[in-house]
Amino acid sequence: MHNSSLDIIHIDNRLSFKFKGELTLYNLIKYKKIIDKIDISKESSVVIDLSELKFIDSAASIFIYNLQKQLRLKSSIHVDTLCDNREVTDMLELISVQKSKSKKIPDKKKRGFIQKIGEKTYQNYVGFLSFMSFMGELFTHKMHYLISPKNIRFKEIAFEINESAIKAFGIVALTSFLIGLVIAYQSAHQLKIYGANIFIVDMLGISVLRELSPLITAIVIAGRSGSAITAQIGAMKITQELDAMQTMGFDPYRFLVLPKIAALMITMPILIFVSDIMAIIGGMVVSNIELNITTDLFLDRFSEVIAVKHFFVGIVKGPFFAFLIATIGIYRGMLVRDDTQSIGFNTTKSVVESIFAVIVCDAVFSIMFTNLGI
């Protein structure tokens, strides 16, 4: 390796930087510090002498280019560059060409309020079209299921029933019990004031059977099973398992998507039924402690005033809620890109969108049943 040095020659108002040996990234900083300390403003002419330079790398070439540019910006200074080595000259020319081609990155313009609304609207529109495309493909496969029942994957459905529903019995039961407990406890104080203790049965029965149990169950399942579906399919997409299934001739919709939807639609009414029981039991416990309503009196009143239609109204909502939760969870899983951050983003979105869709669906059912007088 050649030795390197920098000679600084000053004659009258003429300054010369004479580089010798090799000029590379390793000795560049040392020479830059030396040059920065020199006051060049008083000089009329500067010579960059590279005639005795044996080798120059790209970093040093950029340094020389920037030094020339910096000196030429000062109109009072005349700049000359001396170089006899063809390799050094070629490297300097290459850097000069590349620098002239490179353009300054334009400053990012701040978007206006109207532009932001337009972009967001367009994104939502494209997302809606994508979801409709997914739903169309999903219904096509569902029709194939109905036309050819022999293609139904009963084993996969049974597995998904265990994963997404049976394992959720505990959390659904506990949540519903506590909800019934809280509602009854909050209502007991107000009912005692007016001496209407027994009406806690009417309030609990109708509100729990028609609205609270289906809604609470759906929210718990969206947070538990919906997010798990998104994460599972997203992970399978990142690891290219879905592509492998298609390569081997297995349709992901038939073997993966439809069993999950079918399993959740089958078990959601059962989960709502369990939720009804646990919420009523929670209300019964508070009624006994706070209002001195015995279990027999509670059940007698319940059978007298609560029509069976309220129970079926809640149960009927189950499959619709399950379809929304499973479909949104699967769709969000399909949108996962090739990075782990995308799994977290889409899992969060699936839970939020599932809960929102369930609440909207529940509102539609409430309006519809009210108008039908049910």
Protein backbone atom coordinates (compact mmCIF):
# COMPACT_ATOMS: atom_id res chain seq x y z
CA MET A 1 0.00 0.00 0.00
CA HIS A 2 1.37 3.44 -1.03
CA ASN A 3 2.04 6.11 1.53
CA SER A 4 -0.16 9.17 1.37
CA SER A 5 0.51 12.81 2.13
CA LEU A 6 -0.79 16.30 1.54
CA ASP A 7 1.56 19.21 0.80
CA ILE A 8 0.15 22.71 1.09
CA ILE A 9 2.19 25.24 -0.91
CA HIS A 10 1.48 28.96 -0.65
CA ILE A 11 3.16 31.39 -3.07
CA ASP A 12 1.89 34.98 -3.13
CA ASN A 13 -1.88 34.68 -3.51
CA ARG A 14 -1.70 31.21 -5.05
CA LEU A 15 -2.50 28.18 -2.88
CA SER A 16 -1.74 24.62 -3.92
CA PHE A 17 -3.02 21.36 -2.41
CA LYS A 18 -0.72 18.58 -3.55
CA PHE A 19 -1.97 15.06 -2.83
CA LYS A 20 0.50 12.14 -3.03
CA GLY A 21 0.16 8.38 -2.83
CA GLU A 22 -3.36 7.14 -2.13
CA LEU A 23 -6.40 9.21 -1.26
CA THR A 24 -9.10 7.01 0.32
CA LEU A 25 -11.82 7.04 2.88
CA TYR A 26 -9.32 6.05 5.59
CA ASN A 27 -7.14 9.17 5.31
CA LEU A 28 -9.77 11.52 3.94
CA ILE A 29 -11.00 12.88 7.29
CA LYS A 30 -7.47 13.87 8.32
CA TYR A 31 -6.92 15.91 5.14
CA LYS A 32 -10.38 17.45 5.31
CA LYS A 33 -9.68 18.79 8.82
CA ILE A 34 -6.40 20.32 7.60
CA ILE A 35 -8.07 22.04 4.61
CA ASP A 36 -11.00 23.32 6.72
CA LYS A 37 -8.58 25.15 9.02
CA ILE A 38 -7.12 27.19 6.11
CA ASP A 39 -8.65 30.58 5.28
CA ILE A 40 -9.01 30.41 1.49
CA SER A 41 -11.05 33.59 1.11
CA LYS A 42 -7.89 35.73 0.74
CA GLU A 43 -6.47 33.63 -2.11
CA SER A 44 -6.87 34.58 -5.77
CA SER A 45 -6.05 31.13 -7.14
CA VAL A 46 -6.20 27.56 -5.83
CA VAL A 47 -4.60 24.53 -7.46
CA ILE A 48 -5.70 20.97 -6.63
CA ASP A 49 -2.65 18.97 -7.69
CA LEU A 50 -3.35 15.27 -8.19
CA SER A 51 -0.42 14.60 -10.52
CA GLU A 52 1.40 12.42 -7.98
CA LEU A 53 -1.72 10.61 -6.82
CA LYS A 54 -1.54 6.83 -7.40
CA PHE A 55 -5.05 5.80 -6.37
CA ILE A 56 -8.35 7.44 -5.42
CA ASP A 57 -11.57 5.76 -4.23
CA SER A 58 -15.18 6.92 -4.69
CA ALA A 59 -15.41 8.64 -1.28
CA ALA A 60 -12.26 10.66 -1.96
CA SER A 61 -13.52 11.50 -5.48
CA ILE A 62 -16.71 12.92 -3.98
CA PHE A 63 -14.56 14.94 -1.56
CA ILE A 64 -12.52 16.42 -4.45
CA TYR A 65 -15.72 17.17 -6.41
CA ASN A 66 -17.27 18.95 -3.41
CA LEU A 67 -14.04 20.87 -2.78
CA GLN A 68 -13.96 22.08 -6.40
CA LYS A 69 -17.61 23.07 -6.23
CA GLN A 70 -17.12 24.89 -2.92
CA LEU A 71 -14.15 26.88 -4.29
CA ARG A 72 -15.88 27.75 -7.57
CA LEU A 73 -18.83 29.23 -5.70
CA LYS A 74 -16.45 31.99 -4.62
CA SER A 75 -16.22 34.12 -7.76
CA SER A 76 -12.94 35.75 -6.72
CA ILE A 77 -11.02 32.45 -6.67
CA HIS A 78 -9.69 30.73 -9.77
CA VAL A 79 -9.58 26.91 -9.43
CA ASP A 80 -7.31 24.56 -11.40
CA THR A 81 -7.08 20.78 -11.13
CA LEU A 82 -3.91 18.99 -12.27
CA CYS A 83 -3.95 15.25 -12.90
CA ASP A 84 -1.88 12.92 -15.16
CA ASN A 85 -3.13 9.55 -13.91
CA ARG A 86 -5.81 8.18 -16.26
CA GLU A 87 -7.47 6.04 -13.59
CA VAL A 88 -7.79 9.00 -11.22
CA THR A 89 -9.17 11.19 -14.02
CA ASP A 90 -11.76 8.54 -14.97
CA MET A 91 -12.92 8.21 -11.37
CA LEU A 92 -13.31 12.00 -11.03
CA GLU A 93 -15.24 12.18 -14.32
CA LEU A 94 -17.52 9.35 -13.25
CA ILE A 95 -18.36 11.10 -9.97
CA SER A 96 -18.90 14.38 -11.82
CA VAL A 97 -21.35 12.76 -14.27
CA GLN A 98 -23.28 10.98 -11.52
CA LYS A 99 -23.48 14.14 -9.42
CA SER A 100 -24.80 16.15 -12.36
CA LYS A 101 -27.47 13.52 -13.05
CA SER A 102 -28.67 13.34 -9.45
CA LYS A 103 -31.47 15.74 -8.69
CA LYS A 104 -32.34 17.36 -5.43
CA ILE A 105 -35.15 15.58 -3.63
CA PRO A 106 -38.11 17.96 -3.73
CA ASP A 107 -39.54 19.06 -0.43
CA LYS A 108 -42.69 17.18 0.50
CA LYS A 109 -45.62 19.46 -0.05
CA LYS A 110 -48.10 19.74 2.76
CA ARG A 111 -51.42 18.29 1.67
CA GLY A 112 -54.49 20.44 1.98
CA PHE A 113 -57.60 19.49 3.91
CA ILE A 114 -59.62 18.81 0.73
CA GLN A 115 -56.81 16.67 -0.70
CA LYS A 116 -56.68 14.58 2.49
CA ILE A 117 -60.45 14.02 2.34
CA GLY A 118 -60.18 13.02 -1.32
CA GLU A 119 -57.34 10.57 -0.69
CA LYS A 120 -59.13 9.01 2.29
CA THR A 121 -62.37 8.69 0.31
CA TYR A 122 -60.55 7.03 -2.58
CA GLN A 123 -58.77 4.62 -0.21
CA ASN A 124 -62.09 3.67 1.37
CA TYR A 125 -63.62 3.20 -2.07
CA VAL A 126 -60.79 0.90 -3.19
CA GLY A 127 -61.05 -1.00 0.12
CA PHE A 128 -64.80 -1.42 -0.36
CA LEU A 129 -64.29 -2.80 -3.89
CA SER A 130 -61.65 -5.20 -2.57
CA PHE A 131 -64.01 -6.43 0.18
CA MET A 132 -66.86 -6.88 -2.33
CA SER A 133 -64.52 -8.91 -4.55
CA PHE A 134 -63.63 -11.09 -1.57
CA MET A 135 -67.32 -11.53 -0.67
CA GLY A 136 -68.13 -12.51 -4.26
CA GLU A 137 -65.47 -15.20 -4.28
CA LEU A 138 -66.60 -16.36 -0.85
CA PHE A 139 -70.24 -16.75 -1.90
CA THR A 140 -69.15 -18.60 -5.05
CA HIS A 141 -67.44 -21.21 -2.89
CA LYS A 142 -70.43 -21.32 -0.52
CA MET A 143 -72.71 -22.12 -3.43
CA HIS A 144 -70.32 -24.90 -4.39
CA TYR A 145 -70.66 -26.21 -0.84
CA LEU A 146 -74.44 -26.23 -1.08
CA ILE A 147 -74.48 -27.85 -4.51
CA SER A 148 -71.95 -30.53 -3.52
CA PRO A 149 -72.35 -31.40 0.19
CA LYS A 150 -69.76 -34.17 -0.22
CA ASN A 151 -67.08 -31.44 -0.40
CA ILE A 152 -67.91 -30.17 3.10
CA ARG A 153 -64.87 -30.63 5.35
CA PHE A 154 -66.54 -31.92 8.51
CA LYS A 155 -63.23 -32.72 10.21
CA GLU A 156 -61.93 -29.15 9.70
CA ILE A 157 -65.25 -27.69 10.85
CA ALA A 158 -65.14 -29.81 14.03
CA PHE A 159 -61.57 -28.64 14.70
CA GLU A 160 -62.54 -24.98 14.22
CA ILE A 161 -65.58 -25.41 16.49
CA ASN A 162 -63.24 -26.53 19.25
CA GLU A 163 -60.71 -23.76 18.61
CA SER A 164 -62.98 -20.76 18.10
CA ALA A 165 -66.01 -21.63 20.25
CA ILE A 166 -65.66 -24.43 22.78
CA LYS A 167 -62.44 -22.95 24.17
CA ALA A 168 -64.24 -19.60 24.46
CA PHE A 169 -67.03 -20.95 26.71
CA GLY A 170 -65.19 -19.97 29.89
CA ILE A 171 -64.51 -16.32 29.02
CA VAL A 172 -68.00 -15.84 27.54
CA ALA A 173 -69.65 -17.35 30.63
CA LEU A 174 -67.57 -15.29 33.06
CA THR A 175 -68.07 -12.04 31.13
CA SER A 176 -71.83 -12.57 30.87
CA PHE A 177 -72.13 -13.44 34.56
CA LEU A 178 -70.33 -10.23 35.53
CA ILE A 179 -72.43 -8.14 33.12
CA GLY A 180 -75.64 -9.56 34.62
CA LEU A 181 -74.24 -8.91 38.09
CA VAL A 182 -73.36 -5.29 37.34
CA ILE A 183 -76.64 -4.44 35.59
CA ALA A 184 -78.72 -5.97 38.37
CA TYR A 185 -76.66 -4.25 41.07
CA GLN A 186 -76.97 -0.82 39.41
CA SER A 187 -80.72 -1.26 38.87
CA ALA A 188 -81.47 -2.63 42.35
CA HIS A 189 -80.86 0.70 44.08
CA GLN A 190 -83.24 2.60 41.80
CA LEU A 191 -85.96 -0.07 42.00
CA LYS A 192 -85.83 -0.13 45.82
CA ILE A 193 -86.62 3.59 45.93
CA TYR A 194 -89.98 3.02 44.18
CA GLY A 195 -90.69 -0.36 45.79
CA ALA A 196 -90.57 -2.08 42.41
CA ASN A 197 -88.14 -4.80 43.39
CA ILE A 198 -89.82 -7.57 41.40
CA PHE A 199 -89.51 -5.62 38.11
CA ILE A 200 -85.80 -6.34 38.05
CA VAL A 201 -86.78 -9.70 36.53
CA ASP A 202 -88.59 -8.00 33.63
CA MET A 203 -85.71 -5.63 32.96
CA LEU A 204 -83.01 -8.29 33.13
CA GLY A 205 -84.93 -10.85 31.11
CA ILE A 206 -85.75 -8.63 28.15
CA SER A 207 -82.48 -6.66 28.01
CA VAL A 208 -80.24 -9.70 28.46
CA LEU A 209 -82.04 -12.09 26.11
CA ARG A 210 -82.68 -9.62 23.30
CA GLU A 211 -79.63 -7.36 23.30
CA LEU A 212 -76.90 -7.75 25.91
CA SER A 213 -76.05 -11.44 25.62
CA PRO A 214 -75.78 -11.50 21.80
CA LEU A 215 -73.80 -8.27 21.78
CA ILE A 216 -71.43 -9.16 24.63
CA THR A 217 -70.83 -12.63 23.18
CA ALA A 218 -70.09 -11.20 19.73
CA ILE A 219 -67.65 -8.63 21.14
CA VAL A 220 -65.79 -11.27 23.17
CA ILE A 221 -65.60 -13.61 20.16
CA ALA A 222 -64.44 -10.74 17.91
CA GLY A 223 -61.64 -9.94 20.34
CA ARG A 224 -60.69 -13.57 20.91
CA SER A 225 -61.48 -15.69 17.85
CA GLY A 226 -61.67 -12.95 15.19
CA SER A 227 -58.19 -11.68 16.00
CA ALA A 228 -56.84 -15.23 16.13
CA ILE A 229 -58.24 -15.94 12.64
CA THR A 230 -56.58 -12.81 11.23
CA ALA A 231 -53.24 -13.57 12.87
CA GLN A 232 -53.30 -17.21 11.73
CA ILE A 233 -54.10 -16.47 8.09
CA GLY A 234 -51.70 -13.52 8.08
CA ALA A 235 -48.88 -15.71 9.37
CA MET A 236 -49.71 -18.36 6.77
CA LYS A 237 -49.54 -15.72 4.05
CA ILE A 238 -46.15 -14.41 5.23
CA THR A 239 -44.71 -17.93 5.36
CA GLN A 240 -46.26 -18.63 1.91
CA GLU A 241 -48.33 -21.54 3.19
CA LEU A 242 -51.36 -20.28 1.24
CA ASP A 243 -49.28 -20.26 -1.97
CA ALA A 244 -48.07 -23.76 -1.16
CA MET A 245 -51.66 -24.96 -0.70
CA GLN A 246 -52.63 -23.58 -4.12
CA THR A 247 -49.53 -25.11 -5.72
CA MET A 248 -50.52 -28.53 -4.34
CA GLY A 249 -54.07 -28.11 -5.66
CA PHE A 250 -55.79 -27.31 -2.35
CA ASP A 251 -58.22 -24.38 -2.50
CA PRO A 252 -57.60 -22.15 0.57
CA TYR A 253 -61.26 -21.06 0.56
CA ARG A 254 -62.56 -24.61 0.71
CA PHE A 255 -60.01 -25.99 3.17
CA LEU A 256 -59.34 -22.94 5.35
CA VAL A 257 -61.88 -20.14 5.00
CA LEU A 258 -65.29 -21.85 4.82
CA PRO A 259 -64.69 -24.23 7.77
CA LYS A 260 -63.89 -21.25 10.02
CA ILE A 261 -67.04 -19.38 8.98
CA ALA A 262 -69.25 -22.47 9.26
CA ALA A 263 -67.85 -23.38 12.68
CA LEU A 264 -68.46 -19.91 14.12
CA MET A 265 -71.97 -19.69 12.64
CA ILE A 266 -72.86 -23.07 14.18
CA THR A 267 -71.53 -22.32 17.65
CA MET A 268 -72.44 -18.64 18.10
CA PRO A 269 -76.11 -19.42 19.01
CA ILE A 270 -74.85 -21.95 21.58
CA LEU A 271 -72.49 -19.36 23.06
CA ILE A 272 -75.35 -16.84 23.23
CA PHE A 273 -77.47 -19.44 25.03
CA VAL A 274 -74.68 -19.98 27.59
CA SER A 275 -74.36 -16.20 27.93
CA ASP A 276 -78.13 -15.88 28.58
CA ILE A 277 -77.97 -18.43 31.37
CA MET A 278 -74.91 -16.91 33.07
CA ALA A 279 -76.19 -13.32 32.84
CA ILE A 280 -79.56 -14.32 34.35
CA ILE A 281 -77.76 -16.22 37.12
CA GLY A 282 -75.68 -13.12 37.87
CA GLY A 283 -78.84 -11.01 38.06
CA MET A 284 -80.50 -13.65 40.24
CA VAL A 285 -77.63 -13.57 42.75
CA VAL A 286 -77.86 -9.78 43.14
CA SER A 287 -81.67 -9.89 43.33
CA ASN A 288 -81.42 -12.37 46.20
CA ILE A 289 -78.79 -10.36 48.10
CA GLU A 290 -79.99 -6.79 47.48
CA LEU A 291 -83.75 -7.13 46.93
CA ASN A 292 -84.53 -10.30 48.90
CA ILE A 293 -86.04 -11.98 45.84
CA THR A 294 -85.71 -15.73 46.25
CA THR A 295 -84.66 -17.98 43.40
CA ASP A 296 -88.14 -19.55 43.17
CA LEU A 297 -89.83 -16.15 43.06
CA PHE A 298 -87.34 -14.92 40.44
CA LEU A 299 -87.89 -17.95 38.19
CA ASP A 300 -91.70 -17.84 38.59
CA ARG A 301 -91.78 -14.18 37.61
CA PHE A 302 -89.35 -14.85 34.76
CA SER A 303 -91.56 -17.58 33.25
CA GLU A 304 -94.66 -15.36 33.57
CA VAL A 305 -93.47 -12.10 32.04
CA ILE A 306 -90.66 -13.05 29.63
CA ALA A 307 -92.03 -14.39 26.36
CA VAL A 308 -90.02 -17.04 24.54
CA LYS A 309 -89.79 -14.74 21.49
CA HIS A 310 -87.20 -12.61 23.31
CA PHE A 311 -84.95 -15.64 23.61
CA PHE A 312 -85.26 -16.51 19.92
CA VAL A 313 -84.65 -12.89 18.86
CA GLY A 314 -81.25 -13.06 20.57
CA ILE A 315 -80.44 -16.51 19.20
CA VAL A 316 -81.32 -15.55 15.60
CA LYS A 317 -78.71 -12.78 15.69
CA GLY A 318 -75.93 -15.28 16.44
CA PRO A 319 -75.22 -16.67 12.94
CA PHE A 320 -75.25 -13.19 11.41
CA PHE A 321 -72.81 -11.85 14.01
CA ALA A 322 -70.61 -14.92 13.54
CA PHE A 323 -70.57 -14.49 9.76
CA LEU A 324 -69.49 -10.85 10.08
CA ILE A 325 -66.74 -11.62 12.62
CA ALA A 326 -65.29 -14.58 10.71
CA THR A 327 -65.52 -12.88 7.29
CA ILE A 328 -63.84 -9.66 8.41
CA GLY A 329 -61.17 -11.62 10.30
CA ILE A 330 -60.37 -13.74 7.22
CA TYR A 331 -60.43 -10.73 4.86
CA ARG A 332 -58.01 -8.81 7.07
CA GLY A 333 -55.76 -11.87 7.24
CA MET A 334 -55.68 -11.99 3.44
CA LEU A 335 -54.55 -8.33 3.35
CA VAL A 336 -51.40 -9.01 5.39
CA ARG A 337 -48.21 -8.12 3.49
CA ASP A 338 -44.70 -9.55 3.81
CA ASP A 339 -43.81 -8.00 7.17
CA THR A 340 -44.73 -8.83 10.75
CA GLN A 341 -45.90 -5.27 11.46
CA SER A 342 -48.71 -5.82 8.96
CA ILE A 343 -50.06 -8.70 11.10
CA GLY A 344 -50.49 -6.45 14.13
CA PHE A 345 -52.06 -3.66 12.06
CA ASN A 346 -54.60 -5.92 10.35
CA THR A 347 -55.39 -7.84 13.55
CA THR A 348 -56.26 -4.56 15.28
CA LYS A 349 -58.31 -3.45 12.28
CA SER A 350 -60.19 -6.76 12.17
CA VAL A 351 -61.25 -6.50 15.83
CA VAL A 352 -62.36 -2.86 15.51
CA GLU A 353 -64.20 -3.45 12.23
CA SER A 354 -65.85 -6.64 13.52
CA ILE A 355 -67.19 -4.92 16.63
CA PHE A 356 -68.41 -1.97 14.56
CA ALA A 357 -70.11 -4.28 12.04
CA VAL A 358 -71.77 -6.27 14.85
CA ILE A 359 -73.15 -3.09 16.46
CA VAL A 360 -74.49 -1.85 13.10
CA CYS A 361 -76.07 -5.26 12.43
CA ASP A 362 -77.63 -5.26 15.90
CA ALA A 363 -79.10 -1.80 15.27
CA VAL A 364 -80.61 -3.02 11.98
CA PHE A 365 -82.13 -6.04 13.75
CA SER A 366 -83.56 -3.81 16.50
CA ILE A 367 -85.23 -1.51 13.96
CA MET A 368 -86.52 -4.45 11.93
CA PHE A 369 -87.94 -6.38 14.92
CA THR A 370 -89.52 -3.23 16.36
CA ASN A 371 -91.30 -2.47 13.07
CA LEU A 372 -92.45 -6.09 12.83
CA GLY A 373 -93.79 -5.91 16.39
CA ILE A 374 -91.60 -8.77 17.59
